Amino acid sequence: MNTHQISFFILLSKLIISFATLQVELDENLDPNAKVLTVVTLKKPKVCAQNAEVGDFMKVHYTGRFKDENGEIFDSSRNRGHTFDFVLGKGQVIRGYEIGVPGMCLGETRALYVPSHLAYGENGSPPTIPPNSDLYFMVDLIHIDR
């Protein structure tokens, strides 16, 4: 494990402990295996000029890491040099995003702990993400278009 990975997990652990976490209780009718998703707001603008709603086209930067002893980055829009674009609520992203992103303010940064059943589940996303992988995402909301 390198210094950046260790620093990331120390910071994330401190933030999870020191910030209030939002436990999003899921409707059992939506997903019978779902229990909770943990969302931690890391940075929020003083004024929320616009917030994410279902149906919005949005651009985010994110870094995804495995929740394991190594905390290896499996994907990052920053490394590709362009945002990840999607329409919220259209099934274009994992359930953890669909649940954890609504309400985000433009310019906000959130950490999402996504249990495997709200990510890629039993199938994973070969070859990058093994089955039953719990994931962490650092998400920055860059743009919203209604």
N, C-alpha and C. Protein backbone atom coordinates (compact mmCIF):
# COMPACT_ATOMS: atom_id res chain seq x y z
N MET A 1 0.86 -1.17 0.00
CA MET A 1 0.00 0.00 0.00
C MET A 1 0.90 1.23 0.00
N ASN A 2 0.65 2.18 -0.93
CA ASN A 2 1.50 3.35 -0.99
C ASN A 2 0.99 4.45 -0.06
N THR A 3 1.77 5.52 0.05
CA THR A 3 1.46 6.61 0.97
C THR A 3 0.14 7.28 0.64
N HIS A 4 -0.17 7.45 -0.66
CA HIS A 4 -1.43 8.08 -1.05
C HIS A 4 -2.63 7.23 -0.63
N GLN A 5 -2.51 5.92 -0.77
CA GLN A 5 -3.61 5.04 -0.39
C GLN A 5 -3.83 5.07 1.11
N ILE A 6 -2.75 5.04 1.87
CA ILE A 6 -2.86 5.10 3.33
C ILE A 6 -3.48 6.43 3.75
N SER A 7 -2.99 7.52 3.16
CA SER A 7 -3.53 8.85 3.48
C SER A 7 -5.01 8.94 3.16
N PHE A 8 -5.41 8.38 2.02
CA PHE A 8 -6.82 8.40 1.63
C PHE A 8 -7.68 7.71 2.68
N PHE A 9 -7.29 6.52 3.11
CA PHE A 9 -8.10 5.77 4.07
C PHE A 9 -8.09 6.41 5.45
N ILE A 10 -6.99 7.01 5.84
CA ILE A 10 -6.96 7.72 7.12
C ILE A 10 -7.91 8.91 7.06
N LEU A 11 -7.83 9.69 5.98
CA LEU A 11 -8.71 10.84 5.81
C LEU A 11 -10.17 10.40 5.76
N LEU A 12 -10.45 9.39 4.97
CA LEU A 12 -11.83 8.92 4.84
C LEU A 12 -12.36 8.42 6.19
N SER A 13 -11.53 7.69 6.93
CA SER A 13 -11.96 7.19 8.25
C SER A 13 -12.26 8.35 9.20
N LYS A 14 -11.39 9.36 9.21
CA LYS A 14 -11.62 10.52 10.07
C LYS A 14 -12.89 11.26 9.67
N LEU A 15 -13.08 11.40 8.36
CA LEU A 15 -14.26 12.11 7.89
C LEU A 15 -15.54 11.36 8.24
N ILE A 16 -15.51 10.06 8.09
CA ILE A 16 -16.70 9.27 8.41
C ILE A 16 -17.02 9.37 9.89
N ILE A 17 -15.99 9.40 10.72
CA ILE A 17 -16.20 9.51 12.16
C ILE A 17 -16.64 10.92 12.53
N SER A 18 -15.99 11.96 11.95
CA SER A 18 -16.24 13.32 12.39
C SER A 18 -17.44 13.99 11.74
N PHE A 19 -17.79 13.59 10.52
CA PHE A 19 -18.96 14.15 9.86
C PHE A 19 -20.18 13.29 10.15
N ALA A 20 -21.30 13.94 10.19
CA ALA A 20 -22.54 13.18 10.33
C ALA A 20 -22.77 12.41 9.04
N THR A 21 -23.10 11.17 9.17
CA THR A 21 -23.37 10.39 7.97
C THR A 21 -24.86 10.31 7.75
N LEU A 22 -25.21 10.27 6.50
CA LEU A 22 -26.61 10.14 6.13
C LEU A 22 -26.85 8.68 5.81
N GLN A 23 -27.66 8.06 6.61
CA GLN A 23 -28.03 6.67 6.36
C GLN A 23 -29.30 6.68 5.54
N VAL A 24 -29.19 6.26 4.31
CA VAL A 24 -30.34 6.28 3.42
C VAL A 24 -31.03 4.93 3.51
N GLU A 25 -32.17 4.91 4.16
CA GLU A 25 -32.94 3.68 4.27
C GLU A 25 -33.64 3.45 2.94
N LEU A 26 -33.52 2.29 2.41
CA LEU A 26 -34.10 2.00 1.11
C LEU A 26 -35.44 1.31 1.25
N ASP A 27 -36.32 1.61 0.35
CA ASP A 27 -37.61 0.95 0.28
C ASP A 27 -37.37 -0.51 -0.11
N GLU A 28 -37.82 -1.42 0.72
CA GLU A 28 -37.59 -2.84 0.47
C GLU A 28 -38.22 -3.31 -0.84
N ASN A 29 -39.23 -2.57 -1.34
CA ASN A 29 -39.83 -2.93 -2.61
C ASN A 29 -38.90 -2.66 -3.79
N LEU A 30 -37.98 -1.71 -3.63
CA LEU A 30 -37.06 -1.38 -4.70
C LEU A 30 -35.98 -2.45 -4.86
N ASP A 31 -35.43 -2.88 -3.75
CA ASP A 31 -34.35 -3.86 -3.78
C ASP A 31 -34.38 -4.65 -2.49
N PRO A 32 -34.85 -5.87 -2.51
CA PRO A 32 -35.01 -6.64 -1.28
C PRO A 32 -33.70 -6.92 -0.55
N ASN A 33 -32.55 -6.82 -1.22
CA ASN A 33 -31.27 -7.06 -0.57
C ASN A 33 -30.65 -5.80 0.01
N ALA A 34 -31.19 -4.64 -0.34
CA ALA A 34 -30.59 -3.37 0.05
C ALA A 34 -30.89 -3.03 1.50
N LYS A 35 -29.91 -2.46 2.17
CA LYS A 35 -30.10 -2.00 3.54
C LYS A 35 -29.76 -0.52 3.64
N VAL A 36 -28.49 -0.15 3.55
CA VAL A 36 -28.10 1.26 3.67
C VAL A 36 -26.94 1.59 2.74
N LEU A 37 -26.88 2.84 2.41
CA LEU A 37 -25.78 3.43 1.68
C LEU A 37 -25.26 4.55 2.57
N THR A 38 -23.96 4.68 2.71
CA THR A 38 -23.42 5.74 3.55
C THR A 38 -22.92 6.87 2.65
N VAL A 39 -23.39 8.08 2.94
CA VAL A 39 -23.02 9.27 2.17
C VAL A 39 -22.43 10.28 3.14
N VAL A 40 -21.23 10.77 2.83
CA VAL A 40 -20.58 11.78 3.66
C VAL A 40 -20.30 13.00 2.79
N THR A 41 -20.81 14.15 3.20
CA THR A 41 -20.53 15.39 2.49
C THR A 41 -19.17 15.90 2.95
N LEU A 42 -18.24 16.01 2.01
CA LEU A 42 -16.88 16.45 2.33
C LEU A 42 -16.69 17.94 2.09
N LYS A 43 -17.36 18.46 1.06
CA LYS A 43 -17.27 19.89 0.74
C LYS A 43 -18.61 20.31 0.16
N LYS A 44 -19.14 21.42 0.67
CA LYS A 44 -20.42 21.91 0.16
C LYS A 44 -20.32 23.43 0.03
N PRO A 45 -20.77 23.98 -1.09
CA PRO A 45 -20.73 25.44 -1.23
C PRO A 45 -21.62 26.12 -0.18
N LYS A 46 -21.26 27.35 0.18
CA LYS A 46 -22.06 28.08 1.17
C LYS A 46 -23.47 28.31 0.67
N VAL A 47 -23.60 28.55 -0.63
CA VAL A 47 -24.91 28.73 -1.24
C VAL A 47 -25.10 27.63 -2.28
N CYS A 48 -26.19 26.91 -2.15
CA CYS A 48 -26.48 25.83 -3.10
C CYS A 48 -27.31 26.42 -4.24
N ALA A 49 -26.62 26.85 -5.30
CA ALA A 49 -27.29 27.50 -6.43
C ALA A 49 -28.17 26.53 -7.20
N GLN A 50 -27.76 25.28 -7.25
CA GLN A 50 -28.52 24.27 -7.98
C GLN A 50 -28.19 22.91 -7.38
N ASN A 51 -29.20 22.06 -7.21
CA ASN A 51 -28.93 20.73 -6.69
C ASN A 51 -29.45 19.66 -7.64
N ALA A 52 -28.83 18.50 -7.55
CA ALA A 52 -29.12 17.39 -8.46
C ALA A 52 -30.49 16.79 -8.19
N GLU A 53 -31.24 16.58 -9.27
CA GLU A 53 -32.56 15.96 -9.18
C GLU A 53 -32.66 14.88 -10.25
N VAL A 54 -33.55 13.92 -10.01
CA VAL A 54 -33.79 12.87 -11.00
C VAL A 54 -34.19 13.53 -12.31
N GLY A 55 -33.59 13.06 -13.40
CA GLY A 55 -33.85 13.60 -14.73
C GLY A 55 -32.82 14.60 -15.19
N ASP A 56 -31.95 15.07 -14.27
CA ASP A 56 -30.91 16.03 -14.64
C ASP A 56 -29.78 15.34 -15.39
N PHE A 57 -29.24 16.04 -16.39
CA PHE A 57 -28.00 15.63 -17.04
C PHE A 57 -26.89 16.23 -16.19
N MET A 58 -25.93 15.42 -15.81
CA MET A 58 -24.87 15.94 -14.97
C MET A 58 -23.50 15.44 -15.38
N LYS A 59 -22.51 16.23 -14.97
CA LYS A 59 -21.11 15.89 -15.19
C LYS A 59 -20.46 15.83 -13.81
N VAL A 60 -19.77 14.73 -13.56
CA VAL A 60 -19.06 14.57 -12.30
C VAL A 60 -17.63 14.15 -12.57
N HIS A 61 -16.78 14.45 -11.62
CA HIS A 61 -15.46 13.82 -11.56
C HIS A 61 -15.54 12.86 -10.38
N TYR A 62 -14.93 11.70 -10.52
CA TYR A 62 -14.98 10.72 -9.44
C TYR A 62 -13.69 9.91 -9.43
N THR A 63 -13.44 9.35 -8.27
CA THR A 63 -12.39 8.34 -8.11
C THR A 63 -13.04 7.18 -7.37
N GLY A 64 -12.92 5.98 -7.94
CA GLY A 64 -13.47 4.78 -7.33
C GLY A 64 -12.36 3.90 -6.78
N ARG A 65 -12.54 3.44 -5.56
CA ARG A 65 -11.56 2.57 -4.90
C ARG A 65 -12.26 1.33 -4.35
N PHE A 66 -11.49 0.25 -4.28
CA PHE A 66 -12.00 -0.94 -3.62
C PHE A 66 -11.95 -0.71 -2.12
N LYS A 67 -12.94 -1.25 -1.41
CA LYS A 67 -12.94 -1.18 0.05
C LYS A 67 -12.27 -2.45 0.55
N ASP A 68 -10.96 -2.44 0.50
CA ASP A 68 -10.18 -3.56 1.01
C ASP A 68 -8.91 -3.01 1.63
N GLU A 69 -8.02 -3.89 2.02
CA GLU A 69 -6.81 -3.45 2.71
C GLU A 69 -5.90 -2.59 1.85
N ASN A 70 -5.99 -2.72 0.53
CA ASN A 70 -5.13 -1.94 -0.36
C ASN A 70 -5.76 -0.62 -0.80
N GLY A 71 -7.07 -0.57 -0.87
CA GLY A 71 -7.75 0.65 -1.30
C GLY A 71 -7.38 1.07 -2.71
N GLU A 72 -7.14 0.09 -3.55
CA GLU A 72 -6.68 0.34 -4.92
C GLU A 72 -7.72 1.11 -5.73
N ILE A 73 -7.25 2.11 -6.47
CA ILE A 73 -8.12 2.84 -7.39
C ILE A 73 -8.41 1.93 -8.57
N PHE A 74 -9.70 1.74 -8.88
CA PHE A 74 -10.05 0.94 -10.05
C PHE A 74 -10.47 1.80 -11.23
N ASP A 75 -10.84 3.06 -10.96
CA ASP A 75 -11.22 3.95 -12.05
C ASP A 75 -11.25 5.39 -11.54
N SER A 76 -10.95 6.32 -12.43
CA SER A 76 -11.01 7.74 -12.09
C SER A 76 -11.22 8.56 -13.34
N SER A 77 -12.25 9.40 -13.32
CA SER A 77 -12.47 10.30 -14.46
C SER A 77 -11.34 11.32 -14.55
N ARG A 78 -10.76 11.66 -13.43
CA ARG A 78 -9.65 12.62 -13.42
C ARG A 78 -8.46 12.09 -14.22
N ASN A 79 -8.19 10.79 -14.07
CA ASN A 79 -7.07 10.19 -14.81
C ASN A 79 -7.30 10.20 -16.31
N ARG A 80 -8.57 10.16 -16.72
CA ARG A 80 -8.89 10.20 -18.15
C ARG A 80 -8.92 11.62 -18.69
N GLY A 81 -9.00 12.60 -17.78
CA GLY A 81 -8.97 13.99 -18.20
C GLY A 81 -10.30 14.56 -18.66
N HIS A 82 -11.40 13.84 -18.43
CA HIS A 82 -12.72 14.38 -18.76
C HIS A 82 -13.75 13.85 -17.77
N THR A 83 -14.85 14.56 -17.68
CA THR A 83 -15.89 14.20 -16.72
C THR A 83 -16.63 12.94 -17.15
N PHE A 84 -17.32 12.36 -16.17
CA PHE A 84 -18.24 11.26 -16.43
C PHE A 84 -19.62 11.89 -16.50
N ASP A 85 -20.32 11.67 -17.60
CA ASP A 85 -21.61 12.32 -17.85
C ASP A 85 -22.74 11.28 -17.84
N PHE A 86 -23.85 11.63 -17.21
CA PHE A 86 -24.99 10.72 -17.16
C PHE A 86 -26.26 11.49 -16.81
N VAL A 87 -27.40 10.86 -17.02
CA VAL A 87 -28.69 11.41 -16.62
C VAL A 87 -29.12 10.66 -15.37
N LEU A 88 -29.35 11.39 -14.30
CA LEU A 88 -29.72 10.80 -13.02
C LEU A 88 -31.12 10.20 -13.11
N GLY A 89 -31.24 8.95 -12.65
CA GLY A 89 -32.54 8.28 -12.62
C GLY A 89 -32.87 7.48 -13.86
N LYS A 90 -31.94 7.37 -14.79
CA LYS A 90 -32.19 6.64 -16.04
C LYS A 90 -31.49 5.28 -16.07
N GLY A 91 -30.92 4.85 -14.95
CA GLY A 91 -30.27 3.55 -14.90
C GLY A 91 -28.93 3.51 -15.62
N GLN A 92 -28.31 4.67 -15.81
CA GLN A 92 -27.03 4.74 -16.50
C GLN A 92 -25.85 4.55 -15.55
N VAL A 93 -26.13 4.54 -14.25
CA VAL A 93 -25.08 4.39 -13.24
C VAL A 93 -25.53 3.34 -12.22
N ILE A 94 -24.62 2.94 -11.36
CA ILE A 94 -24.95 1.96 -10.32
C ILE A 94 -25.98 2.55 -9.36
N ARG A 95 -26.71 1.67 -8.68
CA ARG A 95 -27.75 2.09 -7.73
C ARG A 95 -27.20 3.01 -6.63
N GLY A 96 -25.97 2.75 -6.20
CA GLY A 96 -25.37 3.61 -5.18
C GLY A 96 -25.30 5.06 -5.59
N TYR A 97 -25.02 5.30 -6.87
CA TYR A 97 -25.03 6.67 -7.40
C TYR A 97 -26.45 7.21 -7.48
N GLU A 98 -27.37 6.38 -7.97
CA GLU A 98 -28.77 6.82 -8.13
C GLU A 98 -29.37 7.25 -6.79
N ILE A 99 -28.90 6.66 -5.71
CA ILE A 99 -29.41 6.96 -4.38
C ILE A 99 -28.57 8.04 -3.69
N GLY A 100 -27.26 8.03 -3.90
CA GLY A 100 -26.35 8.91 -3.17
C GLY A 100 -26.11 10.28 -3.78
N VAL A 101 -26.47 10.48 -5.05
CA VAL A 101 -26.20 11.75 -5.72
C VAL A 101 -27.35 12.76 -5.64
N PRO A 102 -28.62 12.35 -5.67
CA PRO A 102 -29.70 13.35 -5.60
C PRO A 102 -29.55 14.26 -4.38
N GLY A 103 -29.80 15.54 -4.61
CA GLY A 103 -29.66 16.53 -3.55
C GLY A 103 -28.29 17.17 -3.48
N MET A 104 -27.31 16.60 -4.18
CA MET A 104 -25.97 17.19 -4.21
C MET A 104 -26.04 18.58 -4.82
N CYS A 105 -25.31 19.52 -4.23
CA CYS A 105 -25.22 20.87 -4.79
C CYS A 105 -24.13 20.93 -5.84
N LEU A 106 -24.32 21.81 -6.80
CA LEU A 106 -23.27 22.08 -7.77
C LEU A 106 -22.03 22.53 -7.01
N GLY A 107 -20.90 21.88 -7.24
CA GLY A 107 -19.66 22.20 -6.53
C GLY A 107 -19.44 21.38 -5.27
N GLU A 108 -20.38 20.52 -4.92
CA GLU A 108 -20.27 19.68 -3.72
C GLU A 108 -19.41 18.45 -3.99
N THR A 109 -18.75 17.98 -2.94
CA THR A 109 -17.99 16.73 -2.99
C THR A 109 -18.56 15.80 -1.94
N ARG A 110 -18.86 14.57 -2.36
CA ARG A 110 -19.35 13.55 -1.44
C ARG A 110 -18.50 12.30 -1.54
N ALA A 111 -18.39 11.61 -0.40
CA ALA A 111 -17.82 10.26 -0.37
C ALA A 111 -19.00 9.31 -0.25
N LEU A 112 -19.03 8.31 -1.12
CA LEU A 112 -20.09 7.31 -1.09
C LEU A 112 -19.48 5.96 -0.75
N TYR A 113 -19.97 5.31 0.32
CA TYR A 113 -19.63 3.92 0.58
C TYR A 113 -20.77 3.12 -0.02
N VAL A 114 -20.45 2.32 -1.02
CA VAL A 114 -21.47 1.58 -1.75
C VAL A 114 -21.27 0.08 -1.52
N PRO A 115 -22.17 -0.55 -0.74
CA PRO A 115 -22.07 -2.00 -0.57
C PRO A 115 -22.28 -2.69 -1.92
N SER A 116 -21.74 -3.87 -2.05
CA SER A 116 -21.71 -4.56 -3.35
C SER A 116 -23.07 -4.68 -4.00
N HIS A 117 -24.12 -4.92 -3.21
CA HIS A 117 -25.44 -5.10 -3.81
C HIS A 117 -26.01 -3.81 -4.40
N LEU A 118 -25.39 -2.66 -4.09
CA LEU A 118 -25.79 -1.39 -4.71
C LEU A 118 -24.76 -0.93 -5.73
N ALA A 119 -23.77 -1.81 -5.98
CA ALA A 119 -22.74 -1.51 -6.98
C ALA A 119 -22.90 -2.51 -8.13
N TYR A 120 -21.99 -3.48 -8.22
CA TYR A 120 -22.03 -4.44 -9.33
C TYR A 120 -22.45 -5.84 -8.89
N GLY A 121 -22.70 -6.01 -7.59
CA GLY A 121 -23.28 -7.24 -7.07
C GLY A 121 -22.49 -8.51 -7.32
N GLU A 122 -23.23 -9.60 -7.45
CA GLU A 122 -22.63 -10.93 -7.60
C GLU A 122 -21.85 -11.09 -8.89
N ASN A 123 -22.21 -10.34 -9.92
CA ASN A 123 -21.53 -10.47 -11.22
C ASN A 123 -20.26 -9.66 -11.31
N GLY A 124 -20.12 -8.61 -10.52
CA GLY A 124 -18.99 -7.72 -10.67
C GLY A 124 -19.08 -7.00 -12.01
N SER A 125 -17.96 -6.44 -12.44
CA SER A 125 -17.87 -5.80 -13.75
C SER A 125 -16.51 -6.17 -14.34
N PRO A 126 -16.44 -7.42 -14.88
CA PRO A 126 -15.16 -7.93 -15.38
C PRO A 126 -14.60 -7.05 -16.50
N PRO A 127 -13.32 -6.95 -16.60
CA PRO A 127 -12.31 -7.61 -15.77
C PRO A 127 -11.88 -6.78 -14.57
N THR A 128 -12.44 -5.57 -14.41
CA THR A 128 -11.95 -4.64 -13.40
C THR A 128 -12.46 -4.91 -12.00
N ILE A 129 -13.76 -5.13 -11.85
CA ILE A 129 -14.35 -5.24 -10.52
C ILE A 129 -14.83 -6.66 -10.26
N PRO A 130 -14.23 -7.33 -9.28
CA PRO A 130 -14.63 -8.70 -8.95
C PRO A 130 -16.04 -8.76 -8.37
N PRO A 131 -16.65 -9.94 -8.39
CA PRO A 131 -17.97 -10.10 -7.77
C PRO A 131 -17.96 -9.70 -6.29
N ASN A 132 -19.09 -9.21 -5.83
CA ASN A 132 -19.31 -8.89 -4.41
C ASN A 132 -18.32 -7.88 -3.84
N SER A 133 -17.92 -6.89 -4.64
CA SER A 133 -16.97 -5.87 -4.19
C SER A 133 -17.70 -4.67 -3.60
N ASP A 134 -17.37 -4.33 -2.36
CA ASP A 134 -17.82 -3.08 -1.76
C ASP A 134 -16.89 -1.98 -2.27
N LEU A 135 -17.44 -0.80 -2.56
CA LEU A 135 -16.67 0.25 -3.20
C LEU A 135 -16.80 1.58 -2.46
N TYR A 136 -15.77 2.43 -2.60
CA TYR A 136 -15.80 3.82 -2.14
C TYR A 136 -15.68 4.71 -3.36
N PHE A 137 -16.46 5.78 -3.41
CA PHE A 137 -16.35 6.76 -4.48
C PHE A 137 -16.21 8.15 -3.87
N MET A 138 -15.31 8.94 -4.42
CA MET A 138 -15.21 10.36 -4.13
C MET A 138 -15.80 11.05 -5.35
N VAL A 139 -16.92 11.77 -5.18
CA VAL A 139 -17.67 12.34 -6.30
C VAL A 139 -17.73 13.86 -6.17
N ASP A 140 -17.32 14.56 -7.23
CA ASP A 140 -17.43 16.02 -7.32
C ASP A 140 -18.47 16.36 -8.39
N LEU A 141 -19.51 17.11 -8.02
CA LEU A 141 -20.53 17.51 -8.99
C LEU A 141 -20.06 18.78 -9.69
N ILE A 142 -19.80 18.67 -10.99
CA ILE A 142 -19.20 19.74 -11.79
C ILE A 142 -20.24 20.54 -12.57
N HIS A 143 -21.29 19.87 -13.07
CA HIS A 143 -22.25 20.54 -13.97
C HIS A 143 -23.62 19.87 -13.86
N ILE A 144 -24.67 20.68 -13.89
CA ILE A 144 -26.05 20.18 -13.93
C ILE A 144 -26.77 20.90 -15.06
N ASP A 145 -27.51 20.14 -15.85
CA ASP A 145 -28.32 20.71 -16.92
C ASP A 145 -29.71 20.10 -16.84
N ARG A 146 -30.72 20.95 -16.79
CA ARG A 146 -32.10 20.47 -16.69
C ARG A 146 -32.75 20.44 -18.04
